[in-house]
C-alpha atoms as a PDB file:
ATOM      1  CA  MET A   1    -115.425 129.539   2.409  1.00  0.00           C
ATOM      2  CA  ALA A   2    -118.939 130.556   1.353  1.00  0.00           C
ATOM      3  CA  TYR A   3    -121.836 132.154   3.188  1.00  0.00           C
ATOM      4  CA  LEU A   4    -125.586 131.965   2.618  1.00  0.00           C
ATOM      5  CA  ILE A   5    -127.061 134.978   4.395  1.00  0.00           C
ATOM      6  CA  ASP A   6    -130.612 135.711   5.504  1.00  0.00           C
ATOM      7  CA  GLY A   7    -130.576 139.351   4.371  1.00  0.00           C
ATOM      8  CA  ASN A   8    -133.629 140.578   6.261  1.00  0.00           C
ATOM      9  CA  ASN A   9    -132.443 138.915   9.434  1.00  0.00           C
ATOM     10  CA  LEU A  10    -128.983 140.492   9.220  1.00  0.00           C
ATOM     11  CA  THR A  11    -130.419 143.897   8.260  1.00  0.00           C
ATOM     12  CA  GLY A  12    -132.819 143.697  11.197  1.00  0.00           C
ATOM     13  CA  TYR A  13    -129.951 142.943  13.553  1.00  0.00           C
ATOM     14  CA  LEU A  14    -127.647 145.685  12.251  1.00  0.00           C
ATOM     15  CA  PHE A  15    -130.255 148.383  11.590  1.00  0.00           C
ATOM     16  CA  ALA A  16    -133.298 147.321  13.649  1.00  0.00           C
ATOM     17  CA  PRO A  17    -135.313 150.556  13.517  1.00  0.00           C
ATOM     18  CA  PHE A  18    -134.672 150.901   9.775  1.00  0.00           C
ATOM     19  CA  LEU A  19    -135.321 147.332   8.604  1.00  0.00           C
ATOM     20  CA  LEU A  20    -137.710 148.376   5.843  1.00  0.00           C
ATOM     21  CA  ASP A  21    -135.638 151.350   4.703  1.00  0.00           C
ATOM     22  CA  PRO A  22    -133.960 150.544   1.341  1.00  0.00           C
ATOM     23  CA  ALA A  23    -130.895 152.490   2.490  1.00  0.00           C
ATOM     24  CA  SER A  24    -130.373 149.895   5.247  1.00  0.00           C
ATOM     25  CA  ARG A  25    -130.164 147.109   2.683  1.00  0.00           C
ATOM     26  CA  LYS A  26    -127.642 149.139   0.726  1.00  0.00           C
ATOM     27  CA  GLN A  27    -125.538 149.660   3.869  1.00  0.00           C
ATOM     28  CA  VAL A  28    -125.619 145.925   4.607  1.00  0.00           C
ATOM     29  CA  LEU A  29    -124.551 145.274   1.032  1.00  0.00           C
ATOM     30  CA  GLU A  30    -121.630 147.699   1.344  1.00  0.00           C
ATOM     31  CA  LEU A  31    -120.479 146.036   4.579  1.00  0.00           C
ATOM     32  CA  LEU A  32    -120.696 142.629   2.933  1.00  0.00           C
ATOM     33  CA  LEU A  33    -118.672 143.809  -0.073  1.00  0.00           C
ATOM     34  CA  ILE A  34    -115.890 144.913   2.284  1.00  0.00           C
ATOM     35  CA  PHE A  35    -116.142 141.581   4.102  1.00  0.00           C
ATOM     36  CA  GLN A  36    -115.964 139.715   0.808  1.00  0.00           C
ATOM     37  CA  ARG A  37    -112.973 141.724  -0.394  1.00  0.00           C
ATOM     38  CA  ILE A  38    -111.045 141.006   2.806  1.00  0.00           C
ATOM     39  CA  LYS A  39    -112.086 137.372   3.262  1.00  0.00           C
ATOM     40  CA  ARG A  40    -112.072 136.560  -0.470  1.00  0.00           C
ATOM     41  CA  THR A  41    -115.167 134.459  -0.109  1.00  0.00           C
ATOM     42  CA  ARG A  42    -118.404 133.715  -1.939  1.00  0.00           C
ATOM     43  CA  LEU A  43    -121.573 135.354  -0.590  1.00  0.00           C
ATOM     44  CA  THR A  44    -125.211 134.654  -1.372  1.00  0.00           C
ATOM     45  CA  LEU A  45    -127.617 137.142   0.151  1.00  0.00           C
ATOM     46  CA  VAL A  46    -131.345 136.339   0.220  1.00  0.00           C
ATOM     47  CA  PHE A  47    -133.842 139.150   0.821  1.00  0.00           C
ATOM     48  CA  ASP A  48    -137.628 139.049   1.149  1.00  0.00           C
ATOM     49  CA  GLY A  49    -139.718 141.094  -1.240  1.00  0.00           C
ATOM     50  CA  PRO A  50    -139.539 142.096  -4.872  1.00  0.00           C
ATOM     51  CA  PRO A  51    -136.194 142.462  -6.673  1.00  0.00           C
ATOM     52  CA  GLN A  52    -134.364 145.737  -6.166  1.00  0.00           C
ATOM     53  CA  PRO A  53    -132.417 146.578  -9.336  1.00  0.00           C
ATOM     54  CA  GLU A  54    -130.324 149.221  -7.547  1.00  0.00           C
ATOM     55  CA  LEU A  55    -128.904 146.545  -5.210  1.00  0.00           C
ATOM     56  CA  GLU A  56    -128.352 144.073  -8.028  1.00  0.00           C
ATOM     57  CA  LYS A  57    -126.521 146.812  -9.948  1.00  0.00           C
ATOM     58  CA  ILE A  58    -124.079 147.299  -7.054  1.00  0.00           C
ATOM     59  CA  VAL A  59    -122.992 143.643  -7.062  1.00  0.00           C
ATOM     60  CA  LYS A  60    -123.049 143.211 -10.840  1.00  0.00           C
ATOM     61  CA  GLY A  61    -119.253 143.436 -11.139  1.00  0.00           C
ATOM     62  CA  HIS A  62    -118.651 140.996  -8.280  1.00  0.00           C
ATOM     63  CA  PRO A  63    -118.853 137.436  -9.615  1.00  0.00           C
ATOM     64  CA  LYS A  64    -118.655 135.844  -6.158  1.00  0.00           C
ATOM     65  CA  PHE A  65    -121.560 137.876  -4.795  1.00  0.00           C
ATOM     66  CA  GLU A  66    -125.160 136.987  -5.525  1.00  0.00           C
ATOM     67  CA  ILE A  67    -128.403 138.566  -4.355  1.00  0.00           C
ATOM     68  CA  ILE A  68    -131.545 136.456  -4.530  1.00  0.00           C
ATOM     69  CA  PHE A  69    -135.106 137.698  -4.194  1.00  0.00           C
ATOM     70  CA  PRO A  70    -137.768 134.991  -3.880  1.00  0.00           C
ATOM     71  CA  PRO A  71    -140.407 134.544  -6.558  1.00  0.00           C
ATOM     72  CA  PRO A  72    -143.776 136.180  -5.797  1.00  0.00           C
ATOM     73  CA  GLY A  73    -145.604 134.318  -3.065  1.00  0.00           C
ATOM     74  CA  GLU A  74    -142.436 132.780  -1.580  1.00  0.00           C
ATOM     75  CA  LYS A  75    -140.431 133.894   1.425  1.00  0.00           C
ATOM     76  CA  ALA A  76    -136.677 134.226   1.745  1.00  0.00           C
ATOM     77  CA  ASP A  77    -136.641 131.509   4.427  1.00  0.00           C
ATOM     78  CA  GLU A  78    -138.123 129.012   1.956  1.00  0.00           C
ATOM     79  CA  VAL A  79    -135.526 129.942  -0.662  1.00  0.00           C
ATOM     80  CA  ILE A  80    -132.689 129.546   1.854  1.00  0.00           C
ATOM     81  CA  ILE A  81    -133.876 126.079   2.894  1.00  0.00           C
ATOM     82  CA  GLN A  82    -134.302 125.103  -0.760  1.00  0.00           C
ATOM     83  CA  ILE A  83    -130.715 126.208  -1.516  1.00  0.00           C
ATOM     84  CA  LEU A  84    -129.458 124.159   1.436  1.00  0.00           C
ATOM     85  CA  ARG A  85    -131.316 121.055   0.286  1.00  0.00           C
ATOM     86  CA  GLN A  86    -129.860 121.348  -3.213  1.00  0.00           C
ATOM     87  CA  ARG A  87    -126.304 121.949  -2.091  1.00  0.00           C
ATOM     88  CA  THR A  88    -124.085 118.869  -1.980  1.00  0.00           C
ATOM     89  CA  ASN A  89    -120.778 120.380  -0.821  1.00  0.00           C
ATOM     90  CA  LYS A  90    -121.138 121.175   2.866  1.00  0.00           C
ATOM     91  CA  ARG A  91    -117.483 121.918   3.597  1.00  0.00           C
ATOM     92  CA  ASN A  92    -116.611 125.529   4.294  1.00  0.00           C
ATOM     93  CA  PHE A  93    -120.218 126.645   3.856  1.00  0.00           C
ATOM     94  CA  TRP A  94    -121.906 128.762   6.515  1.00  0.00           C
ATOM     95  CA  VAL A  95    -125.533 129.761   6.940  1.00  0.00           C
ATOM     96  CA  VAL A  96    -126.094 133.152   8.574  1.00  0.00           C
ATOM     97  CA  SER A  97    -129.470 133.613  10.249  1.00  0.00           C
ATOM     98  CA  SER A  98    -130.940 133.999  13.696  1.00  0.00           C
ATOM     99  CA  ASP A  99    -134.108 132.254  12.542  1.00  0.00           C
ATOM    100  CA  ARG A 100    -134.418 129.044  14.589  1.00  0.00           C
ATOM    101  CA  GLU A 101    -136.068 127.073  11.803  1.00  0.00           C
ATOM    102  CA  ILE A 102    -133.351 127.924   9.279  1.00  0.00           C
ATOM    103  CA  ARG A 103    -130.567 127.141  11.735  1.00  0.00           C
ATOM    104  CA  GLN A 104    -132.215 123.855  12.717  1.00  0.00           C
ATOM    105  CA  GLN A 105    -132.622 122.841   9.061  1.00  0.00           C
ATOM    106  CA  ALA A 106    -129.007 123.806   8.378  1.00  0.00           C
ATOM    107  CA  ARG A 107    -127.763 121.624  11.248  1.00  0.00           C
ATOM    108  CA  GLN A 108    -129.956 118.689  10.192  1.00  0.00           C
ATOM    109  CA  LEU A 109    -128.560 118.935   6.664  1.00  0.00           C
ATOM    110  CA  GLY A 110    -124.977 119.070   7.977  1.00  0.00           C
ATOM    111  CA  PHE A 111    -124.188 122.766   7.531  1.00  0.00           C
ATOM    112  CA  LYS A 112    -122.547 125.126  10.010  1.00  0.00           C
ATOM    113  CA  SER A 113    -124.425 128.235  11.031  1.00  0.00           C
ATOM    114  CA  LEU A 114    -123.876 131.598  12.655  1.00  0.00           C
ATOM    115  CA  THR A 115    -126.446 133.897  14.197  1.00  0.00           C
ATOM    116  CA  SER A 116    -126.681 137.418  12.825  1.00  0.00           C
ATOM    117  CA  ALA A 117    -125.010 138.651  16.031  1.00  0.00           C
ATOM    118  CA  GLU A 118    -122.063 136.271  15.569  1.00  0.00           C
ATOM    119  CA  PHE A 119    -121.699 137.234  11.924  1.00  0.00           C
ATOM    120  CA  ALA A 120    -121.920 140.934  12.839  1.00  0.00           C
ATOM    121  CA  GLN A 121    -118.781 140.398  14.942  1.00  0.00           C
ATOM    122  CA  GLU A 122    -117.059 138.930  11.874  1.00  0.00           C
ATOM    123  CA  LEU A 123    -118.176 141.960   9.858  1.00  0.00           C
ATOM    124  CA  LYS A 124    -116.809 144.274  12.544  1.00  0.00           C
ATOM    125  CA  LYS A 125    -113.416 142.556  12.501  1.00  0.00           C
ATOM    126  CA  ALA A 126    -113.293 142.740   8.703  1.00  0.00           C
ATOM    127  CA  SER A 127    -114.284 146.407   8.773  1.00  0.00           C
ATOM    128  CA  GLN A 128    -111.527 147.201  11.289  1.00  0.00           C
ATOM    129  CA  ARG A 129    -109.027 145.337   9.147  1.00  0.00           C
ATOM    130  CA  HIS A 130    -110.226 147.312   6.124  1.00  0.00           C
ATOM    131  CA  GLN A 131    -109.771 150.592   8.032  1.00  0.00           C
ATOM    132  CA  ARG A 132    -106.203 149.636   8.963  1.00  0.00           C
ATOM    133  CA  HIS A 133    -105.538 148.766   5.326  1.00  0.00           C
ATOM    134  CA  LEU A 134    -106.815 152.187   4.243  1.00  0.00           C
ATOM    135  CA  GLU A 135    -104.575 153.872   6.817  1.00  0.00           C
ATOM    136  CA  TYR A 136    -101.546 152.084   5.408  1.00  0.00           C
ATOM    137  CA  GLN A 137    -102.484 153.115   1.900  1.00  0.00           C
ATOM    138  CA  LYS A 138    -102.723 156.811   2.654  1.00  0.00           C
ATOM    139  CA  ASN A 139    -100.543 158.790   0.338  1.00  0.00           C
ATOM    140  CA  VAL A 140     -97.621 160.261   2.173  1.00  0.00           C
ATOM    141  CA  HIS A 141     -96.386 163.282   0.314  1.00  0.00           C
ATOM    142  CA  LEU A 142     -92.671 163.687   0.557  1.00  0.00           C
ATOM    143  CA  PRO A 143     -91.406 167.246   0.728  1.00  0.00           C
ATOM    144  CA  SER A 144     -90.413 168.827  -2.542  1.00  0.00           C
ATOM    145  CA  PRO A 145     -86.808 169.975  -3.086  1.00  0.00           C
ATOM    146  CA  LEU A 146     -87.957 173.571  -2.537  1.00  0.00           C
ATOM    147  CA  GLU A 147     -89.587 172.654   0.804  1.00  0.00           C
ATOM    148  CA  ILE A 148     -86.433 170.835   1.891  1.00  0.00           C
ATOM    149  CA  LYS A 149     -84.372 173.899   1.026  1.00  0.00           C
ATOM    150  CA  HIS A 150     -86.684 176.208   3.010  1.00  0.00           C
ATOM    151  CA  TRP A 151     -86.731 173.925   6.062  1.00  0.00           C
ATOM    152  CA  THR A 152     -82.969 173.505   5.936  1.00  0.00           C
ATOM    153  CA  GLU A 153     -82.483 177.266   5.775  1.00  0.00           C
ATOM    154  CA  LEU A 154     -84.929 177.785   8.634  1.00  0.00           C
ATOM    155  CA  PHE A 155     -83.188 175.282  10.913  1.00  0.00           C
ATOM    156  CA  ASP A 156     -79.746 176.518   9.957  1.00  0.00           C
ATOM    157  CA  LYS A 157     -80.740 180.049  11.022  1.00  0.00           C
ATOM    158  CA  LYS A 158     -82.104 178.829  14.369  1.00  0.00           C
ATOM    159  CA  SER A 159     -79.006 176.822  15.190  1.00  0.00           C
ATOM    160  CA  LYS A 160     -76.659 179.808  14.674  1.00  0.00           C
END
C-alpha cells in the first residue's frame, strides 16, 4: 500500500494552532515514520513552501519515504494532482487530504482517498501499536545470583 499525503493539510489537522511552526512538520514526519515502520508502506509527503533540508535529512535513510516541495510559484495541491495524473497503478494507493478539489480529482482518476481526520485515526492506531511493541521490548533484568541469594536468605529467615 502507498500513500500520497497533503502535508500542510495533515499538519493543520494535527497541530492546527502551530501549522506554520517548523517543529509541527517535524512532529508529523516522526509520526509518519512510525506509521511507515509499522505498516511497511511507501509514503510521499507533499508540503507547500521552500525545501526544508532538516526534514529531508530525517528521511534520507528511508528509501520508501519521500518528501516533495513544489517548485517556486507552484502549490502542493498542484503537485499532488500532477502526481495522480502521472500514476498508472491505482491499486493500493491512497490520497490523504481534506481538500475537496484534491479528493474529487483523486476519485475522478480512480484513486481512493482519506480525509486528514480519517488518516489521523490510522496514525493513532499505529502509534498505539508502536507503544505496545516498545512495552514488550523493555529489558527485563533478571536478578543476579547474589540478589537471589539475599532474597532467599531473607525469606528463609521470615519463614522460621
